[in-house]
């Protein structure tokens, strides 16, 4: 079992303690968070370059073992289609599960049974929207999302990206804003071999990337997801504990 490293547990404890007060949160954001990121990001990128394709193979095997219809998405998909591998400097994995699969909580249970470690999850309007787990052998994370079809034609997905806006009055410290996008839905899933590893990607991967990134064929260092047309939902996404996430239907 991939136990949470001591440095991660220490960071979590300090963050949770300091965020109980306004002053403590300021100290964390201004002082401790930059120190933590200066350690975590270079380390994650190094692990990605060394073990990324091993992790990818394990993830694909787990999804297949549990009959979870997944596909590489977002930055992971972009790298595979445009660059033939991971985007330079990438430090995690992005996967989506097809809407017709059912509750995303079932996918979480399946991955945890294979030794993945829970990091966090979010619910939105009564359903599990996304979760993050850590690979069983290497301390790199996988983000797993599930969107909804816009309508019965199943041509578009309603995709929600979560954001926390400074100064915004949220109901609780566990709530985030949800930005809603309409992206092309996969017309199906196909296999793609990347550096000797088989993964699943949308059959219409280029159309999906057109909606998610706009002009994606040439890298744009200034790209931000909120540059793509979207609306902000009047509802919030709520962060869950592992027990809360596993209790979702």
C-alpha atoms as a PDB file:
ATOM      1  CA  UNK A   1       0.000   0.000   0.000  1.00  0.00           C
ATOM      2  CA  UNK A   2       1.321   3.445  -0.931  1.00  0.00           C
ATOM      3  CA  UNK A   3       1.322   5.184   2.445  1.00  0.00           C
ATOM      4  CA  UNK A   4       1.335   8.947   2.536  1.00  0.00           C
ATOM      5  CA  UNK A   5       4.944  10.198   2.893  1.00  0.00           C
ATOM      6  CA  UNK A   6       5.863  11.949   6.135  1.00  0.00           C
ATOM      7  CA  UNK A   7       6.523  15.287   4.416  1.00  0.00           C
ATOM      8  CA  UNK A   8       3.018  15.224   2.918  1.00  0.00           C
ATOM      9  CA  UNK A   9       1.467  14.456   6.299  1.00  0.00           C
ATOM     10  CA  UNK A  10       3.424  17.295   7.920  1.00  0.00           C
ATOM     11  CA  UNK A  11       2.328  19.720   5.193  1.00  0.00           C
ATOM     12  CA  UNK A  12      -1.304  18.654   5.596  1.00  0.00           C
ATOM     13  CA  UNK A  13      -1.185  19.113   9.371  1.00  0.00           C
ATOM     14  CA  UNK A  14       0.373  22.575   9.125  1.00  0.00           C
ATOM     15  CA  UNK A  15      -2.075  23.635   6.429  1.00  0.00           C
ATOM     16  CA  UNK A  16      -5.129  22.410   8.348  1.00  0.00           C
ATOM     17  CA  UNK A  17      -3.920  24.026  11.571  1.00  0.00           C
ATOM     18  CA  UNK A  18      -3.042  27.389  10.049  1.00  0.00           C
ATOM     19  CA  UNK A  19      -6.186  27.663   7.937  1.00  0.00           C
ATOM     20  CA  UNK A  20      -8.337  27.693  11.068  1.00  0.00           C
ATOM     21  CA  UNK A  21      -7.636  31.428  11.414  1.00  0.00           C
ATOM     22  CA  UNK A  22      -7.447  34.328   8.965  1.00  0.00           C
ATOM     23  CA  UNK A  23      -3.873  35.134  10.018  1.00  0.00           C
ATOM     24  CA  UNK A  24      -2.798  31.509   9.852  1.00  0.00           C
ATOM     25  CA  UNK A  25      -4.167  31.154   6.329  1.00  0.00           C
ATOM     26  CA  UNK A  26      -2.211  34.239   5.266  1.00  0.00           C
ATOM     27  CA  UNK A  27       0.968  32.751   6.734  1.00  0.00           C
ATOM     28  CA  UNK A  28       0.385  29.493   4.894  1.00  0.00           C
ATOM     29  CA  UNK A  29      -0.321  31.146   1.528  1.00  0.00           C
ATOM     30  CA  UNK A  30       2.520  33.667   1.716  1.00  0.00           C
ATOM     31  CA  UNK A  31       5.236  31.588   3.389  1.00  0.00           C
ATOM     32  CA  UNK A  32       4.702  27.851   3.661  1.00  0.00           C
ATOM     33  CA  UNK A  33       2.867  27.171   0.384  1.00  0.00           C
ATOM     34  CA  UNK A  34       5.666  28.610  -1.829  1.00  0.00           C
ATOM     35  CA  UNK A  35       8.230  26.571   0.120  1.00  0.00           C
ATOM     36  CA  UNK A  36       6.124  23.438  -0.313  1.00  0.00           C
ATOM     37  CA  UNK A  37       5.625  24.007  -4.043  1.00  0.00           C
ATOM     38  CA  UNK A  38       9.356  24.600  -4.551  1.00  0.00           C
ATOM     39  CA  UNK A  39       9.874  21.067  -3.225  1.00  0.00           C
ATOM     40  CA  UNK A  40       6.849  19.231  -4.626  1.00  0.00           C
ATOM     41  CA  UNK A  41       6.786  20.348  -8.259  1.00  0.00           C
ATOM     42  CA  UNK A  42      10.432  19.617  -9.197  1.00  0.00           C
ATOM     43  CA  UNK A  43      10.212  16.276  -7.393  1.00  0.00           C
ATOM     44  CA  UNK A  44       6.959  15.350  -9.161  1.00  0.00           C
ATOM     45  CA  UNK A  45       8.372  16.267 -12.567  1.00  0.00           C
ATOM     46  CA  UNK A  46      11.451  14.145 -11.927  1.00  0.00           C
ATOM     47  CA  UNK A  47       9.297  11.177 -10.920  1.00  0.00           C
ATOM     48  CA  UNK A  48       7.151  11.734 -14.017  1.00  0.00           C
ATOM     49  CA  UNK A  49      10.155  11.527 -16.325  1.00  0.00           C
ATOM     50  CA  UNK A  50      11.385   8.350 -14.630  1.00  0.00           C
ATOM     51  CA  UNK A  51       8.169   6.438 -13.939  1.00  0.00           C
ATOM     52  CA  UNK A  52       5.392   8.138 -15.913  1.00  0.00           C
ATOM     53  CA  UNK A  53       4.822   5.359 -18.427  1.00  0.00           C
ATOM     54  CA  UNK A  54       4.933   2.652 -15.758  1.00  0.00           C
ATOM     55  CA  UNK A  55       2.225   4.527 -13.875  1.00  0.00           C
ATOM     56  CA  UNK A  56       0.243   4.936 -17.069  1.00  0.00           C
ATOM     57  CA  UNK A  57       0.377   1.203 -17.734  1.00  0.00           C
ATOM     58  CA  UNK A  58      -0.826   0.404 -14.209  1.00  0.00           C
ATOM     59  CA  UNK A  59      -3.701   2.855 -14.519  1.00  0.00           C
ATOM     60  CA  UNK A  60      -4.805   1.416 -17.869  1.00  0.00           C
ATOM     61  CA  UNK A  61      -4.676  -2.119 -16.435  1.00  0.00           C
ATOM     62  CA  UNK A  62      -6.795  -1.116 -13.424  1.00  0.00           C
ATOM     63  CA  UNK A  63      -9.414   0.648 -15.524  1.00  0.00           C
ATOM     64  CA  UNK A  64      -9.638  -2.357 -17.842  1.00  0.00           C
ATOM     65  CA  UNK A  65      -9.705  -4.854 -14.959  1.00  0.00           C
ATOM     66  CA  UNK A  66     -12.730  -3.135 -13.448  1.00  0.00           C
ATOM     67  CA  UNK A  67     -14.460  -2.443 -16.810  1.00  0.00           C
ATOM     68  CA  UNK A  68     -14.286   1.330 -16.333  1.00  0.00           C
ATOM     69  CA  UNK A  69     -14.697   3.154 -19.691  1.00  0.00           C
ATOM     70  CA  UNK A  70     -12.026   5.803 -19.272  1.00  0.00           C
ATOM     71  CA  UNK A  71     -10.027   7.990 -21.634  1.00  0.00           C
ATOM     72  CA  UNK A  72      -6.996  10.230 -21.344  1.00  0.00           C
ATOM     73  CA  UNK A  73      -8.124  13.834 -21.151  1.00  0.00           C
ATOM     74  CA  UNK A  74      -6.954  17.436 -20.736  1.00  0.00           C
ATOM     75  CA  UNK A  75      -3.158  17.840 -20.550  1.00  0.00           C
ATOM     76  CA  UNK A  76      -2.474  14.103 -20.743  1.00  0.00           C
ATOM     77  CA  UNK A  77      -4.481  13.786 -23.968  1.00  0.00           C
ATOM     78  CA  UNK A  78      -2.946  16.948 -25.397  1.00  0.00           C
ATOM     79  CA  UNK A  79       0.567  15.649 -24.861  1.00  0.00           C
ATOM     80  CA  UNK A  80      -0.163  12.241 -26.381  1.00  0.00           C
ATOM     81  CA  UNK A  81      -1.848  13.632 -29.513  1.00  0.00           C
ATOM     82  CA  UNK A  82       0.362  16.680 -30.148  1.00  0.00           C
ATOM     83  CA  UNK A  83       3.729  15.673 -28.703  1.00  0.00           C
ATOM     84  CA  UNK A  84       3.613  11.877 -28.742  1.00  0.00           C
ATOM     85  CA  UNK A  85       4.237  11.768 -24.977  1.00  0.00           C
ATOM     86  CA  UNK A  86       3.860  13.732 -21.778  1.00  0.00           C
ATOM     87  CA  UNK A  87       3.948  17.514 -21.988  1.00  0.00           C
ATOM     88  CA  UNK A  88       7.276  18.840 -20.758  1.00  0.00           C
ATOM     89  CA  UNK A  89       7.014  19.692 -17.083  1.00  0.00           C
ATOM     90  CA  UNK A  90       3.754  17.779 -16.548  1.00  0.00           C
ATOM     91  CA  UNK A  91       3.443  16.379 -13.043  1.00  0.00           C
ATOM     92  CA  UNK A  92       0.186  14.407 -12.935  1.00  0.00           C
ATOM     93  CA  UNK A  93      -2.306  12.442 -15.041  1.00  0.00           C
ATOM     94  CA  UNK A  94      -5.758  13.443 -16.301  1.00  0.00           C
ATOM     95  CA  UNK A  95      -8.393  10.803 -16.996  1.00  0.00           C
ATOM     96  CA  UNK A  96     -12.133  11.025 -17.604  1.00  0.00           C
ATOM     97  CA  UNK A  97     -14.787   8.350 -17.199  1.00  0.00           C
ATOM     98  CA  UNK A  98     -17.651   8.161 -19.686  1.00  0.00           C
ATOM     99  CA  UNK A  99     -20.951   9.530 -18.308  1.00  0.00           C
ATOM    100  CA  UNK A 100     -22.890   6.305 -18.946  1.00  0.00           C
ATOM    101  CA  UNK A 101     -20.595   4.352 -16.601  1.00  0.00           C
ATOM    102  CA  UNK A 102     -22.688   5.295 -13.579  1.00  0.00           C
ATOM    103  CA  UNK A 103     -21.485   6.740 -10.291  1.00  0.00           C
ATOM    104  CA  UNK A 104     -17.846   7.827 -10.264  1.00  0.00           C
ATOM    105  CA  UNK A 105     -17.734   6.551  -6.678  1.00  0.00           C
ATOM    106  CA  UNK A 106     -17.648   3.017  -8.105  1.00  0.00           C
ATOM    107  CA  UNK A 107     -14.445   3.874 -10.002  1.00  0.00           C
ATOM    108  CA  UNK A 108     -12.933   5.292  -6.815  1.00  0.00           C
ATOM    109  CA  UNK A 109     -13.732   2.118  -4.897  1.00  0.00           C
ATOM    110  CA  UNK A 110     -12.198   0.022  -7.655  1.00  0.00           C
ATOM    111  CA  UNK A 111      -8.931   1.966  -7.737  1.00  0.00           C
ATOM    112  CA  UNK A 112      -8.610   1.981  -3.948  1.00  0.00           C
ATOM    113  CA  UNK A 113      -9.018  -1.808  -4.010  1.00  0.00           C
ATOM    114  CA  UNK A 114      -5.967  -1.930  -6.304  1.00  0.00           C
ATOM    115  CA  UNK A 115      -3.824  -0.034  -3.815  1.00  0.00           C
ATOM    116  CA  UNK A 116      -4.286   3.560  -4.983  1.00  0.00           C
ATOM    117  CA  UNK A 117      -4.304   6.114  -2.158  1.00  0.00           C
ATOM    118  CA  UNK A 118      -7.098   8.651  -1.765  1.00  0.00           C
ATOM    119  CA  UNK A 119      -6.048  12.315  -1.928  1.00  0.00           C
ATOM    120  CA  UNK A 120      -9.313  14.259  -2.253  1.00  0.00           C
ATOM    121  CA  UNK A 121     -12.659  14.327  -4.038  1.00  0.00           C
ATOM    122  CA  UNK A 122     -15.392  16.841  -4.864  1.00  0.00           C
ATOM    123  CA  UNK A 123     -19.132  16.481  -5.186  1.00  0.00           C
ATOM    124  CA  UNK A 124     -21.414  18.762  -7.164  1.00  0.00           C
ATOM    125  CA  UNK A 125     -25.193  18.799  -6.875  1.00  0.00           C
ATOM    126  CA  UNK A 126     -25.327  15.440  -5.133  1.00  0.00           C
ATOM    127  CA  UNK A 127     -22.944  13.435  -7.320  1.00  0.00           C
ATOM    128  CA  UNK A 128     -19.226  12.736  -7.259  1.00  0.00           C
ATOM    129  CA  UNK A 129     -17.647  15.079  -9.797  1.00  0.00           C
ATOM    130  CA  UNK A 130     -13.942  14.243  -9.565  1.00  0.00           C
ATOM    131  CA  UNK A 131     -11.348  12.607  -7.367  1.00  0.00           C
ATOM    132  CA  UNK A 132      -7.587  12.404  -7.105  1.00  0.00           C
ATOM    133  CA  UNK A 133      -5.658   9.293  -6.117  1.00  0.00           C
ATOM    134  CA  UNK A 134      -1.967   8.491  -5.780  1.00  0.00           C
ATOM    135  CA  UNK A 135      -0.303   5.664  -7.693  1.00  0.00           C
ATOM    136  CA  UNK A 136       0.314   2.538  -5.556  1.00  0.00           C
ATOM    137  CA  UNK A 137       4.080   2.587  -6.095  1.00  0.00           C
ATOM    138  CA  UNK A 138       5.145   6.143  -6.950  1.00  0.00           C
ATOM    139  CA  UNK A 139       4.029   9.392  -5.308  1.00  0.00           C
ATOM    140  CA  UNK A 140       2.360  10.855  -8.381  1.00  0.00           C
ATOM    141  CA  UNK A 141      -1.309  11.693  -8.590  1.00  0.00           C
ATOM    142  CA  UNK A 142      -4.085  10.900 -11.049  1.00  0.00           C
ATOM    143  CA  UNK A 143      -7.064  13.221 -11.485  1.00  0.00           C
ATOM    144  CA  UNK A 144     -10.211  11.339 -12.522  1.00  0.00           C
ATOM    145  CA  UNK A 145     -13.228  13.298 -13.782  1.00  0.00           C
ATOM    146  CA  UNK A 146     -16.736  12.529 -14.940  1.00  0.00           C
ATOM    147  CA  UNK A 147     -18.823  15.007 -16.893  1.00  0.00           C
ATOM    148  CA  UNK A 148     -22.466  14.983 -18.037  1.00  0.00           C
ATOM    149  CA  UNK A 149     -23.965  14.968 -21.496  1.00  0.00           C
ATOM    150  CA  UNK A 150     -25.479  18.310 -22.410  1.00  0.00           C
ATOM    151  CA  UNK A 151     -28.573  16.707 -23.957  1.00  0.00           C
ATOM    152  CA  UNK A 152     -29.918  13.496 -25.480  1.00  0.00           C
ATOM    153  CA  UNK A 153     -27.814  13.901 -28.639  1.00  0.00           C
ATOM    154  CA  UNK A 154     -24.677  13.119 -26.572  1.00  0.00           C
ATOM    155  CA  UNK A 155     -22.609  15.369 -28.810  1.00  0.00           C
ATOM    156  CA  UNK A 156     -21.490  17.734 -26.060  1.00  0.00           C
ATOM    157  CA  UNK A 157     -20.397  17.381 -22.464  1.00  0.00           C
ATOM    158  CA  UNK A 158     -20.963  19.835 -19.640  1.00  0.00           C
ATOM    159  CA  UNK A 159     -17.491  19.926 -18.101  1.00  0.00           C
ATOM    160  CA  UNK A 160     -16.872  21.619 -14.765  1.00  0.00           C
ATOM    161  CA  UNK A 161     -13.492  22.993 -13.675  1.00  0.00           C
ATOM    162  CA  UNK A 162     -13.168  23.992 -10.040  1.00  0.00           C
ATOM    163  CA  UNK A 163     -11.690  27.292  -8.937  1.00  0.00           C
ATOM    164  CA  UNK A 164     -11.212  29.074  -5.626  1.00  0.00           C
ATOM    165  CA  UNK A 165     -11.419  32.865  -5.942  1.00  0.00           C
ATOM    166  CA  UNK A 166      -9.666  35.043  -3.399  1.00  0.00           C
ATOM    167  CA  UNK A 167     -12.077  37.258  -1.506  1.00  0.00           C
ATOM    168  CA  UNK A 168     -15.147  35.246  -2.505  1.00  0.00           C
ATOM    169  CA  UNK A 169     -17.655  34.491   0.257  1.00  0.00           C
ATOM    170  CA  UNK A 170     -17.976  30.687   0.192  1.00  0.00           C
ATOM    171  CA  UNK A 171     -20.416  28.720   2.384  1.00  0.00           C
ATOM    172  CA  UNK A 172     -17.530  26.714   3.914  1.00  0.00           C
ATOM    173  CA  UNK A 173     -13.764  26.421   3.567  1.00  0.00           C
ATOM    174  CA  UNK A 174     -14.357  23.175   1.628  1.00  0.00           C
ATOM    175  CA  UNK A 175     -16.334  24.841  -1.186  1.00  0.00           C
ATOM    176  CA  UNK A 176     -15.096  25.899  -4.624  1.00  0.00           C
ATOM    177  CA  UNK A 177     -16.648  27.669  -7.588  1.00  0.00           C
ATOM    178  CA  UNK A 178     -17.519  25.572 -10.636  1.00  0.00           C
ATOM    179  CA  UNK A 179     -16.814  26.957 -14.119  1.00  0.00           C
ATOM    180  CA  UNK A 180     -18.966  25.211 -16.727  1.00  0.00           C
ATOM    181  CA  UNK A 181     -17.765  24.516 -20.269  1.00  0.00           C
ATOM    182  CA  UNK A 182     -19.369  22.768 -23.223  1.00  0.00           C
ATOM    183  CA  UNK A 183     -16.864  20.466 -24.914  1.00  0.00           C
ATOM    184  CA  UNK A 184     -17.185  17.852 -27.635  1.00  0.00           C
ATOM    185  CA  UNK A 185     -18.118  14.465 -26.179  1.00  0.00           C
ATOM    186  CA  UNK A 186     -16.099  11.396 -27.199  1.00  0.00           C
ATOM    187  CA  UNK A 187     -17.843   9.587 -30.052  1.00  0.00           C
ATOM    188  CA  UNK A 188     -16.241   6.445 -28.695  1.00  0.00           C
ATOM    189  CA  UNK A 189     -12.961   5.203 -27.249  1.00  0.00           C
ATOM    190  CA  UNK A 190      -9.975   3.780 -29.087  1.00  0.00           C
ATOM    191  CA  UNK A 191      -6.583   2.442 -28.108  1.00  0.00           C
ATOM    192  CA  UNK A 192      -3.405   4.436 -28.576  1.00  0.00           C
ATOM    193  CA  UNK A 193       0.136   3.195 -27.957  1.00  0.00           C
ATOM    194  CA  UNK A 194       2.401   5.811 -26.368  1.00  0.00           C
ATOM    195  CA  UNK A 195       6.036   4.881 -25.746  1.00  0.00           C
ATOM    196  CA  UNK A 196       5.069   1.215 -25.753  1.00  0.00           C
ATOM    197  CA  UNK A 197       2.141   1.666 -23.349  1.00  0.00           C
ATOM    198  CA  UNK A 198      -1.470   1.151 -24.442  1.00  0.00           C
ATOM    199  CA  UNK A 199      -3.970   3.791 -23.304  1.00  0.00           C
ATOM    200  CA  UNK A 200      -7.529   4.725 -24.203  1.00  0.00           C
ATOM    201  CA  UNK A 201      -8.301   8.051 -25.892  1.00  0.00           C
ATOM    202  CA  UNK A 202     -11.412   9.524 -27.559  1.00  0.00           C
ATOM    203  CA  UNK A 203     -12.015   8.408 -31.144  1.00  0.00           C
ATOM    204  CA  UNK A 204     -12.484  12.087 -31.988  1.00  0.00           C
ATOM    205  CA  UNK A 205      -9.504  13.264 -29.906  1.00  0.00           C
ATOM    206  CA  UNK A 206      -8.744  16.264 -32.129  1.00  0.00           C
ATOM    207  CA  UNK A 207     -12.319  17.564 -31.872  1.00  0.00           C
ATOM    208  CA  UNK A 208     -12.190  17.175 -28.075  1.00  0.00           C
ATOM    209  CA  UNK A 209      -8.925  19.121 -27.955  1.00  0.00           C
ATOM    210  CA  UNK A 210     -10.339  21.823 -30.275  1.00  0.00           C
ATOM    211  CA  UNK A 211     -13.000  22.567 -27.661  1.00  0.00           C
ATOM    212  CA  UNK A 212     -10.770  22.175 -24.612  1.00  0.00           C
ATOM    213  CA  UNK A 213      -7.826  24.241 -25.848  1.00  0.00           C
ATOM    214  CA  UNK A 214      -8.737  26.194 -28.976  1.00  0.00           C
ATOM    215  CA  UNK A 215      -5.618  26.401 -31.231  1.00  0.00           C
ATOM    216  CA  UNK A 216      -3.760  23.541 -29.536  1.00  0.00           C
ATOM    217  CA  UNK A 217      -1.396  22.347 -32.271  1.00  0.00           C
ATOM    218  CA  UNK A 218       1.204  24.950 -31.337  1.00  0.00           C
ATOM    219  CA  UNK A 219       2.114  25.223 -27.625  1.00  0.00           C
ATOM    220  CA  UNK A 220       0.883  28.433 -25.988  1.00  0.00           C
ATOM    221  CA  UNK A 221       2.699  29.198 -22.714  1.00  0.00           C
ATOM    222  CA  UNK A 222       0.056  31.810 -21.852  1.00  0.00           C
ATOM    223  CA  UNK A 223      -2.932  29.469 -22.170  1.00  0.00           C
ATOM    224  CA  UNK A 224      -5.398  29.341 -19.279  1.00  0.00           C
ATOM    225  CA  UNK A 225      -8.527  27.209 -19.234  1.00  0.00           C
ATOM    226  CA  UNK A 226     -10.681  30.205 -18.296  1.00  0.00           C
ATOM    227  CA  UNK A 227      -9.814  31.769 -21.680  1.00  0.00           C
ATOM    228  CA  UNK A 228     -12.247  29.246 -23.240  1.00  0.00           C
ATOM    229  CA  UNK A 229     -15.921  30.431 -23.229  1.00  0.00           C
ATOM    230  CA  UNK A 230     -17.695  29.339 -20.069  1.00  0.00           C
ATOM    231  CA  UNK A 231     -20.238  30.302 -17.436  1.00  0.00           C
ATOM    232  CA  UNK A 232     -19.946  30.137 -13.665  1.00  0.00           C
ATOM    233  CA  UNK A 233     -22.413  27.846 -11.954  1.00  0.00           C
ATOM    234  CA  UNK A 234     -24.529  29.352  -9.151  1.00  0.00           C
ATOM    235  CA  UNK A 235     -23.793  26.156  -7.191  1.00  0.00           C
ATOM    236  CA  UNK A 236     -20.567  25.200  -5.435  1.00  0.00           C
ATOM    237  CA  UNK A 237     -18.504  22.016  -5.496  1.00  0.00           C
ATOM    238  CA  UNK A 238     -17.774  20.633  -2.024  1.00  0.00           C
ATOM    239  CA  UNK A 239     -14.564  18.859  -1.015  1.00  0.00           C
ATOM    240  CA  UNK A 240     -15.041  15.410   0.527  1.00  0.00           C
ATOM    241  CA  UNK A 241     -13.141  13.186   2.881  1.00  0.00           C
ATOM    242  CA  UNK A 242     -12.402   9.627   1.805  1.00  0.00           C
ATOM    243  CA  UNK A 243     -15.278   8.311   3.920  1.00  0.00           C
ATOM    244  CA  UNK A 244     -17.695  10.849   2.433  1.00  0.00           C
ATOM    245  CA  UNK A 245     -16.592  10.082  -1.110  1.00  0.00           C
ATOM    246  CA  UNK A 246     -16.951   6.333  -0.655  1.00  0.00           C
ATOM    247  CA  UNK A 247     -20.460   6.840   0.746  1.00  0.00           C
ATOM    248  CA  UNK A 248     -21.635   8.521  -2.462  1.00  0.00           C
ATOM    249  CA  UNK A 249     -24.081   6.540  -4.598  1.00  0.00           C
END
